[in-house]
């Protein structure tokens, strides 16, 4: 995942992601003194929620996007160690007690390697609790974006482009986790439609960032506006499907 982000805008518009994270965090039982890896910390907005559950603990927060790491470092207290790394190349000096991740894994192509690295990061008995986009995630939105991308003047840049997303099924994810060594694996899909309060900036920053990278600078604002207009006319909500993951390193 090489894309950088508009971290400040993401932090402001990522209300749906924060709402999902609050529910997922409830699945991670903590004493409050552990060290937890936030795998894909983004702007640090959700990392702060995790720190609230660790009054005597600490967080190791990792993200691959430079702007996200910079924003998270500025936003988080000293109990959070923030650094830049791809999760598929992650190496920690010491194992952590738990791994948490929210809205990240679908940006990673190689889930086999991802789960191997997260397994290696965990101490024995440590839990992985995560959620990301799963099979069927924002299919209707992507259909709208593809329709606009197939029109001029965008087609020469985006025609046939499939994007970087990896929206896996619950079944294939369970198999990958087990092959990585995890036990007590539980995976399931959950529809979570959302209506972001600032849809134009939300779509530009979160849903269309990779599309925009394929376009010349001069076409980016117009493409984002065209997709937003058609989405607002035809759908007006985002058809999110979340993949939930719970597993333990024996």
C-alpha atoms as a PDB file:
ATOM      1  CA  UNK A   1       0.000   0.000   0.000  1.00  0.00           C
ATOM      2  CA  UNK A   2       1.966   3.002  -1.298  1.00  0.00           C
ATOM      3  CA  UNK A   3      -0.773   5.622  -1.425  1.00  0.00           C
ATOM      4  CA  UNK A   4      -0.489   8.612   0.879  1.00  0.00           C
ATOM      5  CA  UNK A   5      -3.590  10.288   2.315  1.00  0.00           C
ATOM      6  CA  UNK A   6      -5.026  13.674   3.220  1.00  0.00           C
ATOM      7  CA  UNK A   7      -4.720  12.845   6.913  1.00  0.00           C
ATOM      8  CA  UNK A   8      -6.342  16.010   8.265  1.00  0.00           C
ATOM      9  CA  UNK A   9      -9.455  15.586   6.123  1.00  0.00           C
ATOM     10  CA  UNK A  10      -9.588  11.878   6.910  1.00  0.00           C
ATOM     11  CA  UNK A  11      -9.480  12.643  10.620  1.00  0.00           C
ATOM     12  CA  UNK A  12     -12.378  15.070  10.217  1.00  0.00           C
ATOM     13  CA  UNK A  13     -14.694  12.998   7.990  1.00  0.00           C
ATOM     14  CA  UNK A  14     -14.030   9.451   9.266  1.00  0.00           C
ATOM     15  CA  UNK A  15     -17.053   9.318  11.553  1.00  0.00           C
ATOM     16  CA  UNK A  16     -18.304   5.988  10.140  1.00  0.00           C
ATOM     17  CA  UNK A  17     -14.901   4.387  10.736  1.00  0.00           C
ATOM     18  CA  UNK A  18     -14.845   5.658  14.335  1.00  0.00           C
ATOM     19  CA  UNK A  19     -18.360   4.316  14.938  1.00  0.00           C
ATOM     20  CA  UNK A  20     -17.379   0.870  13.644  1.00  0.00           C
ATOM     21  CA  UNK A  21     -14.220   0.939  15.756  1.00  0.00           C
ATOM     22  CA  UNK A  22     -16.139   1.618  18.953  1.00  0.00           C
ATOM     23  CA  UNK A  23     -18.096  -1.596  18.451  1.00  0.00           C
ATOM     24  CA  UNK A  24     -15.033  -3.639  17.488  1.00  0.00           C
ATOM     25  CA  UNK A  25     -13.115  -2.385  20.528  1.00  0.00           C
ATOM     26  CA  UNK A  26     -15.807  -3.873  22.757  1.00  0.00           C
ATOM     27  CA  UNK A  27     -14.735  -7.308  21.488  1.00  0.00           C
ATOM     28  CA  UNK A  28     -11.190  -6.793  22.753  1.00  0.00           C
ATOM     29  CA  UNK A  29     -11.174  -7.583  26.465  1.00  0.00           C
ATOM     30  CA  UNK A  30      -8.382  -5.646  28.182  1.00  0.00           C
ATOM     31  CA  UNK A  31      -7.142  -5.284  31.768  1.00  0.00           C
ATOM     32  CA  UNK A  32      -5.826  -1.821  30.959  1.00  0.00           C
ATOM     33  CA  UNK A  33      -2.091  -2.382  31.341  1.00  0.00           C
ATOM     34  CA  UNK A  34      -1.319  -4.218  28.106  1.00  0.00           C
ATOM     35  CA  UNK A  35       0.674  -3.256  25.047  1.00  0.00           C
ATOM     36  CA  UNK A  36      -1.552  -3.339  21.956  1.00  0.00           C
ATOM     37  CA  UNK A  37      -0.626  -2.995  18.294  1.00  0.00           C
ATOM     38  CA  UNK A  38      -2.906  -0.721  16.272  1.00  0.00           C
ATOM     39  CA  UNK A  39      -2.316  -2.225  12.830  1.00  0.00           C
ATOM     40  CA  UNK A  40      -3.031   0.643  10.457  1.00  0.00           C
ATOM     41  CA  UNK A  41      -3.538   3.543  12.856  1.00  0.00           C
ATOM     42  CA  UNK A  42      -4.499   6.151  10.268  1.00  0.00           C
ATOM     43  CA  UNK A  43      -4.755   9.671  11.673  1.00  0.00           C
ATOM     44  CA  UNK A  44      -4.751   8.395  15.265  1.00  0.00           C
ATOM     45  CA  UNK A  45      -8.447   9.123  15.868  1.00  0.00           C
ATOM     46  CA  UNK A  46      -9.257   5.488  16.665  1.00  0.00           C
ATOM     47  CA  UNK A  47      -5.882   4.945  18.364  1.00  0.00           C
ATOM     48  CA  UNK A  48      -6.949   7.532  20.941  1.00  0.00           C
ATOM     49  CA  UNK A  49     -10.083   5.456  21.600  1.00  0.00           C
ATOM     50  CA  UNK A  50      -7.872   2.404  22.122  1.00  0.00           C
ATOM     51  CA  UNK A  51      -5.613   4.322  24.526  1.00  0.00           C
ATOM     52  CA  UNK A  52      -8.650   5.256  26.613  1.00  0.00           C
ATOM     53  CA  UNK A  53      -9.053   1.539  27.326  1.00  0.00           C
ATOM     54  CA  UNK A  54      -5.386   1.254  28.368  1.00  0.00           C
ATOM     55  CA  UNK A  55      -4.931   3.717  31.270  1.00  0.00           C
ATOM     56  CA  UNK A  56      -1.799   1.881  32.417  1.00  0.00           C
ATOM     57  CA  UNK A  57      -0.795   0.423  29.074  1.00  0.00           C
ATOM     58  CA  UNK A  58       0.571   1.582  25.754  1.00  0.00           C
ATOM     59  CA  UNK A  59      -0.071   1.324  22.031  1.00  0.00           C
ATOM     60  CA  UNK A  60       2.293   0.596  19.171  1.00  0.00           C
ATOM     61  CA  UNK A  61       0.659   2.394  16.247  1.00  0.00           C
ATOM     62  CA  UNK A  62       1.746   1.553  12.704  1.00  0.00           C
ATOM     63  CA  UNK A  63       0.677   2.919   9.339  1.00  0.00           C
ATOM     64  CA  UNK A  64       2.187   2.873   5.867  1.00  0.00           C
ATOM     65  CA  UNK A  65       1.075   6.398   4.884  1.00  0.00           C
ATOM     66  CA  UNK A  66       3.557   9.160   5.813  1.00  0.00           C
ATOM     67  CA  UNK A  67       0.889  11.825   6.346  1.00  0.00           C
ATOM     68  CA  UNK A  68      -1.102   9.530   8.634  1.00  0.00           C
ATOM     69  CA  UNK A  69       1.975   8.769  10.740  1.00  0.00           C
ATOM     70  CA  UNK A  70       2.818  12.469  11.017  1.00  0.00           C
ATOM     71  CA  UNK A  71      -0.747  13.343  12.055  1.00  0.00           C
ATOM     72  CA  UNK A  72      -0.970  10.487  14.570  1.00  0.00           C
ATOM     73  CA  UNK A  73       2.363  11.405  16.174  1.00  0.00           C
ATOM     74  CA  UNK A  74       1.173  14.962  16.679  1.00  0.00           C
ATOM     75  CA  UNK A  75      -2.220  13.916  18.020  1.00  0.00           C
ATOM     76  CA  UNK A  76      -1.303  11.098  20.404  1.00  0.00           C
ATOM     77  CA  UNK A  77       0.372  11.134  23.829  1.00  0.00           C
ATOM     78  CA  UNK A  78       3.726   9.569  24.668  1.00  0.00           C
ATOM     79  CA  UNK A  79       2.084   6.262  25.568  1.00  0.00           C
ATOM     80  CA  UNK A  80       1.682   5.706  21.823  1.00  0.00           C
ATOM     81  CA  UNK A  81       4.745   4.763  19.794  1.00  0.00           C
ATOM     82  CA  UNK A  82       3.959   5.654  16.170  1.00  0.00           C
ATOM     83  CA  UNK A  83       6.040   4.561  13.198  1.00  0.00           C
ATOM     84  CA  UNK A  84       5.733   3.957   9.476  1.00  0.00           C
ATOM     85  CA  UNK A  85       5.735   0.429   8.109  1.00  0.00           C
ATOM     86  CA  UNK A  86       3.890  -1.804   5.713  1.00  0.00           C
ATOM     87  CA  UNK A  87       1.990  -4.411   7.717  1.00  0.00           C
ATOM     88  CA  UNK A  88       3.268  -7.150   5.421  1.00  0.00           C
ATOM     89  CA  UNK A  89       6.832  -6.175   6.380  1.00  0.00           C
ATOM     90  CA  UNK A  90       6.127  -5.459  10.046  1.00  0.00           C
ATOM     91  CA  UNK A  91       8.784  -6.394  12.602  1.00  0.00           C
ATOM     92  CA  UNK A  92       8.525  -5.426  16.283  1.00  0.00           C
ATOM     93  CA  UNK A  93      11.278  -5.370  18.885  1.00  0.00           C
ATOM     94  CA  UNK A  94       8.988  -7.103  21.399  1.00  0.00           C
ATOM     95  CA  UNK A  95       5.733  -9.021  20.986  1.00  0.00           C
ATOM     96  CA  UNK A  96       2.482  -7.304  21.923  1.00  0.00           C
ATOM     97  CA  UNK A  97      -0.393  -8.577  24.050  1.00  0.00           C
ATOM     98  CA  UNK A  98      -3.057  -7.920  21.418  1.00  0.00           C
ATOM     99  CA  UNK A  99      -3.553  -6.657  17.872  1.00  0.00           C
ATOM    100  CA  UNK A 100      -6.407  -4.330  16.921  1.00  0.00           C
ATOM    101  CA  UNK A 101      -7.205  -3.089  13.432  1.00  0.00           C
ATOM    102  CA  UNK A 102     -10.056  -1.091  11.944  1.00  0.00           C
ATOM    103  CA  UNK A 103     -10.829  -0.433   8.254  1.00  0.00           C
ATOM    104  CA  UNK A 104      -7.328  -1.384   7.047  1.00  0.00           C
ATOM    105  CA  UNK A 105      -6.867  -4.959   5.822  1.00  0.00           C
ATOM    106  CA  UNK A 106      -8.868  -4.484   2.593  1.00  0.00           C
ATOM    107  CA  UNK A 107      -6.099  -2.141   1.390  1.00  0.00           C
ATOM    108  CA  UNK A 108      -3.579  -5.008   1.556  1.00  0.00           C
ATOM    109  CA  UNK A 109      -3.275  -7.432  -1.363  1.00  0.00           C
ATOM    110  CA  UNK A 110      -1.406 -10.259   0.381  1.00  0.00           C
ATOM    111  CA  UNK A 111      -3.511 -11.432   3.330  1.00  0.00           C
ATOM    112  CA  UNK A 112      -1.473 -14.605   3.753  1.00  0.00           C
ATOM    113  CA  UNK A 113       1.639 -12.533   4.454  1.00  0.00           C
ATOM    114  CA  UNK A 114      -0.338 -10.023   6.527  1.00  0.00           C
ATOM    115  CA  UNK A 115      -1.602 -12.646   8.951  1.00  0.00           C
ATOM    116  CA  UNK A 116       1.827 -14.259   9.202  1.00  0.00           C
ATOM    117  CA  UNK A 117       3.336 -10.931  10.301  1.00  0.00           C
ATOM    118  CA  UNK A 118       0.539 -10.227  12.792  1.00  0.00           C
ATOM    119  CA  UNK A 119       0.946 -13.734  14.241  1.00  0.00           C
ATOM    120  CA  UNK A 120       4.666 -13.069  14.674  1.00  0.00           C
ATOM    121  CA  UNK A 121       3.912  -9.747  16.404  1.00  0.00           C
ATOM    122  CA  UNK A 122       1.720 -11.390  19.067  1.00  0.00           C
ATOM    123  CA  UNK A 123       2.824 -12.965  22.310  1.00  0.00           C
ATOM    124  CA  UNK A 124       1.425 -16.468  22.984  1.00  0.00           C
ATOM    125  CA  UNK A 125      -2.176 -16.143  24.107  1.00  0.00           C
ATOM    126  CA  UNK A 126      -2.538 -12.755  22.408  1.00  0.00           C
ATOM    127  CA  UNK A 127      -5.708 -11.894  20.513  1.00  0.00           C
ATOM    128  CA  UNK A 128      -6.283 -10.401  17.099  1.00  0.00           C
ATOM    129  CA  UNK A 129      -9.518  -8.384  16.868  1.00  0.00           C
ATOM    130  CA  UNK A 130     -10.124  -6.569  13.595  1.00  0.00           C
ATOM    131  CA  UNK A 131     -12.645  -5.334  11.080  1.00  0.00           C
ATOM    132  CA  UNK A 132     -12.200  -4.326   7.454  1.00  0.00           C
ATOM    133  CA  UNK A 133     -14.081  -4.219   4.179  1.00  0.00           C
ATOM    134  CA  UNK A 134     -15.278  -7.670   3.160  1.00  0.00           C
ATOM    135  CA  UNK A 135     -16.819  -9.467   0.207  1.00  0.00           C
ATOM    136  CA  UNK A 136     -19.399  -7.203  -1.459  1.00  0.00           C
ATOM    137  CA  UNK A 137     -18.114  -4.016   0.173  1.00  0.00           C
ATOM    138  CA  UNK A 138     -19.367  -0.839  -1.587  1.00  0.00           C
ATOM    139  CA  UNK A 139     -20.128  -2.764  -4.770  1.00  0.00           C
ATOM    140  CA  UNK A 140     -22.856  -0.348  -5.840  1.00  0.00           C
ATOM    141  CA  UNK A 141     -20.657   2.671  -5.210  1.00  0.00           C
ATOM    142  CA  UNK A 142     -17.809   1.147  -7.214  1.00  0.00           C
ATOM    143  CA  UNK A 143     -20.240   0.443 -10.064  1.00  0.00           C
ATOM    144  CA  UNK A 144     -21.071   4.155 -10.171  1.00  0.00           C
ATOM    145  CA  UNK A 145     -17.381   5.090 -10.077  1.00  0.00           C
ATOM    146  CA  UNK A 146     -16.596   2.630 -12.888  1.00  0.00           C
ATOM    147  CA  UNK A 147     -19.382   4.064 -15.020  1.00  0.00           C
ATOM    148  CA  UNK A 148     -17.979   7.575 -14.669  1.00  0.00           C
ATOM    149  CA  UNK A 149     -14.421   6.281 -15.179  1.00  0.00           C
ATOM    150  CA  UNK A 150     -15.467   4.733 -18.482  1.00  0.00           C
ATOM    151  CA  UNK A 151     -16.499   8.101 -19.885  1.00  0.00           C
ATOM    152  CA  UNK A 152     -14.349  10.796 -21.441  1.00  0.00           C
ATOM    153  CA  UNK A 153     -12.082  12.424 -20.424  1.00  0.00           C
ATOM    154  CA  UNK A 154     -11.383   9.770 -17.766  1.00  0.00           C
ATOM    155  CA  UNK A 155     -11.491   6.538 -19.773  1.00  0.00           C
ATOM    156  CA  UNK A 156      -7.929   6.676 -21.086  1.00  0.00           C
ATOM    157  CA  UNK A 157      -6.655   6.828 -17.503  1.00  0.00           C
ATOM    158  CA  UNK A 158      -9.190   4.673 -15.623  1.00  0.00           C
ATOM    159  CA  UNK A 159     -10.818   2.428 -18.218  1.00  0.00           C
ATOM    160  CA  UNK A 160     -10.400  -1.183 -17.090  1.00  0.00           C
ATOM    161  CA  UNK A 161      -8.614  -0.193 -13.873  1.00  0.00           C
ATOM    162  CA  UNK A 162      -9.672  -2.547 -11.074  1.00  0.00           C
ATOM    163  CA  UNK A 163      -8.159  -0.799  -8.063  1.00  0.00           C
ATOM    164  CA  UNK A 164      -6.118  -2.139  -5.138  1.00  0.00           C
ATOM    165  CA  UNK A 165      -8.892  -3.429  -2.881  1.00  0.00           C
ATOM    166  CA  UNK A 166      -8.999  -6.910  -1.395  1.00  0.00           C
ATOM    167  CA  UNK A 167     -12.527  -7.535  -0.142  1.00  0.00           C
ATOM    168  CA  UNK A 168     -12.191 -11.102   1.135  1.00  0.00           C
ATOM    169  CA  UNK A 169     -14.879 -13.535   2.217  1.00  0.00           C
ATOM    170  CA  UNK A 170     -15.257 -14.771   5.771  1.00  0.00           C
ATOM    171  CA  UNK A 171     -14.430 -18.337   4.711  1.00  0.00           C
ATOM    172  CA  UNK A 172     -11.202 -17.587   2.851  1.00  0.00           C
ATOM    173  CA  UNK A 173     -10.100 -15.276   5.672  1.00  0.00           C
ATOM    174  CA  UNK A 174     -10.632 -18.004   8.271  1.00  0.00           C
ATOM    175  CA  UNK A 175      -8.497 -20.354   6.187  1.00  0.00           C
ATOM    176  CA  UNK A 176      -5.694 -17.820   5.885  1.00  0.00           C
ATOM    177  CA  UNK A 177      -5.715 -17.139   9.630  1.00  0.00           C
ATOM    178  CA  UNK A 178      -5.534 -20.843  10.432  1.00  0.00           C
ATOM    179  CA  UNK A 179      -2.680 -21.384   7.967  1.00  0.00           C
ATOM    180  CA  UNK A 180      -0.802 -18.560   9.686  1.00  0.00           C
ATOM    181  CA  UNK A 181      -1.118 -20.462  12.977  1.00  0.00           C
ATOM    182  CA  UNK A 182      -4.100 -18.741  14.613  1.00  0.00           C
ATOM    183  CA  UNK A 183      -6.636 -20.692  16.682  1.00  0.00           C
ATOM    184  CA  UNK A 184     -10.147 -19.955  17.944  1.00  0.00           C
ATOM    185  CA  UNK A 185     -10.806 -18.220  14.635  1.00  0.00           C
ATOM    186  CA  UNK A 186     -14.149 -16.507  14.089  1.00  0.00           C
ATOM    187  CA  UNK A 187     -14.905 -14.488  10.949  1.00  0.00           C
ATOM    188  CA  UNK A 188     -18.194 -13.096   9.672  1.00  0.00           C
ATOM    189  CA  UNK A 189     -19.602 -10.483   7.289  1.00  0.00           C
ATOM    190  CA  UNK A 190     -21.880  -7.670   8.439  1.00  0.00           C
ATOM    191  CA  UNK A 191     -23.701  -5.105   6.255  1.00  0.00           C
ATOM    192  CA  UNK A 192     -23.107  -1.558   7.557  1.00  0.00           C
ATOM    193  CA  UNK A 193     -24.598   1.014   5.157  1.00  0.00           C
ATOM    194  CA  UNK A 194     -23.510   4.566   5.912  1.00  0.00           C
ATOM    195  CA  UNK A 195     -24.419   8.122   4.973  1.00  0.00           C
ATOM    196  CA  UNK A 196     -21.367  10.313   5.639  1.00  0.00           C
ATOM    197  CA  UNK A 197     -22.272  13.822   6.811  1.00  0.00           C
ATOM    198  CA  UNK A 198     -19.791  15.484   4.417  1.00  0.00           C
ATOM    199  CA  UNK A 199     -20.137  13.182   1.408  1.00  0.00           C
ATOM    200  CA  UNK A 200     -18.149  15.205  -1.129  1.00  0.00           C
ATOM    201  CA  UNK A 201     -15.002  15.307   1.005  1.00  0.00           C
ATOM    202  CA  UNK A 202     -15.596  11.792   2.330  1.00  0.00           C
ATOM    203  CA  UNK A 203     -15.801  10.283  -1.161  1.00  0.00           C
ATOM    204  CA  UNK A 204     -12.816  12.277  -2.419  1.00  0.00           C
ATOM    205  CA  UNK A 205     -10.608  11.379   0.539  1.00  0.00           C
ATOM    206  CA  UNK A 206     -11.604   7.828   1.430  1.00  0.00           C
ATOM    207  CA  UNK A 207     -13.392   6.169  -1.482  1.00  0.00           C
ATOM    208  CA  UNK A 208     -11.790   7.824  -4.510  1.00  0.00           C
ATOM    209  CA  UNK A 209      -8.223   8.474  -3.397  1.00  0.00           C
ATOM    210  CA  UNK A 210      -6.799   5.639  -5.466  1.00  0.00           C
ATOM    211  CA  UNK A 211      -8.888   6.603  -8.489  1.00  0.00           C
ATOM    212  CA  UNK A 212      -7.584  10.150  -8.293  1.00  0.00           C
ATOM    213  CA  UNK A 213      -3.979   8.977  -8.237  1.00  0.00           C
ATOM    214  CA  UNK A 214      -4.499   7.468 -11.701  1.00  0.00           C
ATOM    215  CA  UNK A 215      -5.640  10.800 -13.140  1.00  0.00           C
ATOM    216  CA  UNK A 216      -3.751  13.937 -14.159  1.00  0.00           C
ATOM    217  CA  UNK A 217      -4.027  16.697 -11.555  1.00  0.00           C
ATOM    218  CA  UNK A 218      -6.293  18.782 -13.780  1.00  0.00           C
ATOM    219  CA  UNK A 219      -8.944  16.052 -13.977  1.00  0.00           C
ATOM    220  CA  UNK A 220      -9.055  15.060 -10.309  1.00  0.00           C
ATOM    221  CA  UNK A 221     -11.510  17.634  -8.942  1.00  0.00           C
ATOM    222  CA  UNK A 222     -13.909  17.144 -11.874  1.00  0.00           C
ATOM    223  CA  UNK A 223     -13.872  13.358 -11.558  1.00  0.00           C
ATOM    224  CA  UNK A 224     -14.595  13.514  -7.822  1.00  0.00           C
ATOM    225  CA  UNK A 225     -17.451  15.949  -8.474  1.00  0.00           C
ATOM    226  CA  UNK A 226     -18.920  13.788 -11.258  1.00  0.00           C
ATOM    227  CA  UNK A 227     -18.837  10.616  -9.144  1.00  0.00           C
ATOM    228  CA  UNK A 228     -20.337  12.429  -6.170  1.00  0.00           C
ATOM    229  CA  UNK A 229     -23.160  13.854  -8.269  1.00  0.00           C
ATOM    230  CA  UNK A 230     -24.075  10.503  -9.808  1.00  0.00           C
ATOM    231  CA  UNK A 231     -23.793   8.669  -6.486  1.00  0.00           C
ATOM    232  CA  UNK A 232     -26.008  11.269  -4.782  1.00  0.00           C
ATOM    233  CA  UNK A 233     -28.610  10.949  -7.540  1.00  0.00           C
ATOM    234  CA  UNK A 234     -28.643   7.145  -7.738  1.00  0.00           C
ATOM    235  CA  UNK A 235     -27.686   5.830  -4.267  1.00  0.00           C
ATOM    236  CA  UNK A 236     -27.096   8.489  -1.587  1.00  0.00           C
ATOM    237  CA  UNK A 237     -25.603   5.925   0.806  1.00  0.00           C
ATOM    238  CA  UNK A 238     -22.515   3.724   0.849  1.00  0.00           C
ATOM    239  CA  UNK A 239     -23.203  -0.006   0.818  1.00  0.00           C
ATOM    240  CA  UNK A 240     -20.487  -1.031   3.257  1.00  0.00           C
ATOM    241  CA  UNK A 241     -19.992  -4.694   4.183  1.00  0.00           C
ATOM    242  CA  UNK A 242     -17.618  -5.270   7.080  1.00  0.00           C
ATOM    243  CA  UNK A 243     -15.498  -8.386   7.597  1.00  0.00           C
ATOM    244  CA  UNK A 244     -15.082  -9.111  11.310  1.00  0.00           C
ATOM    245  CA  UNK A 245     -12.082 -11.086  12.590  1.00  0.00           C
ATOM    246  CA  UNK A 246     -11.364 -12.612  15.987  1.00  0.00           C
ATOM    247  CA  UNK A 247      -8.451 -15.028  16.504  1.00  0.00           C
ATOM    248  CA  UNK A 248      -5.877 -16.087  19.104  1.00  0.00           C
ATOM    249  CA  UNK A 249      -2.205 -16.976  18.883  1.00  0.00           C
ATOM    250  CA  UNK A 250      -1.887 -20.237  20.866  1.00  0.00           C
END
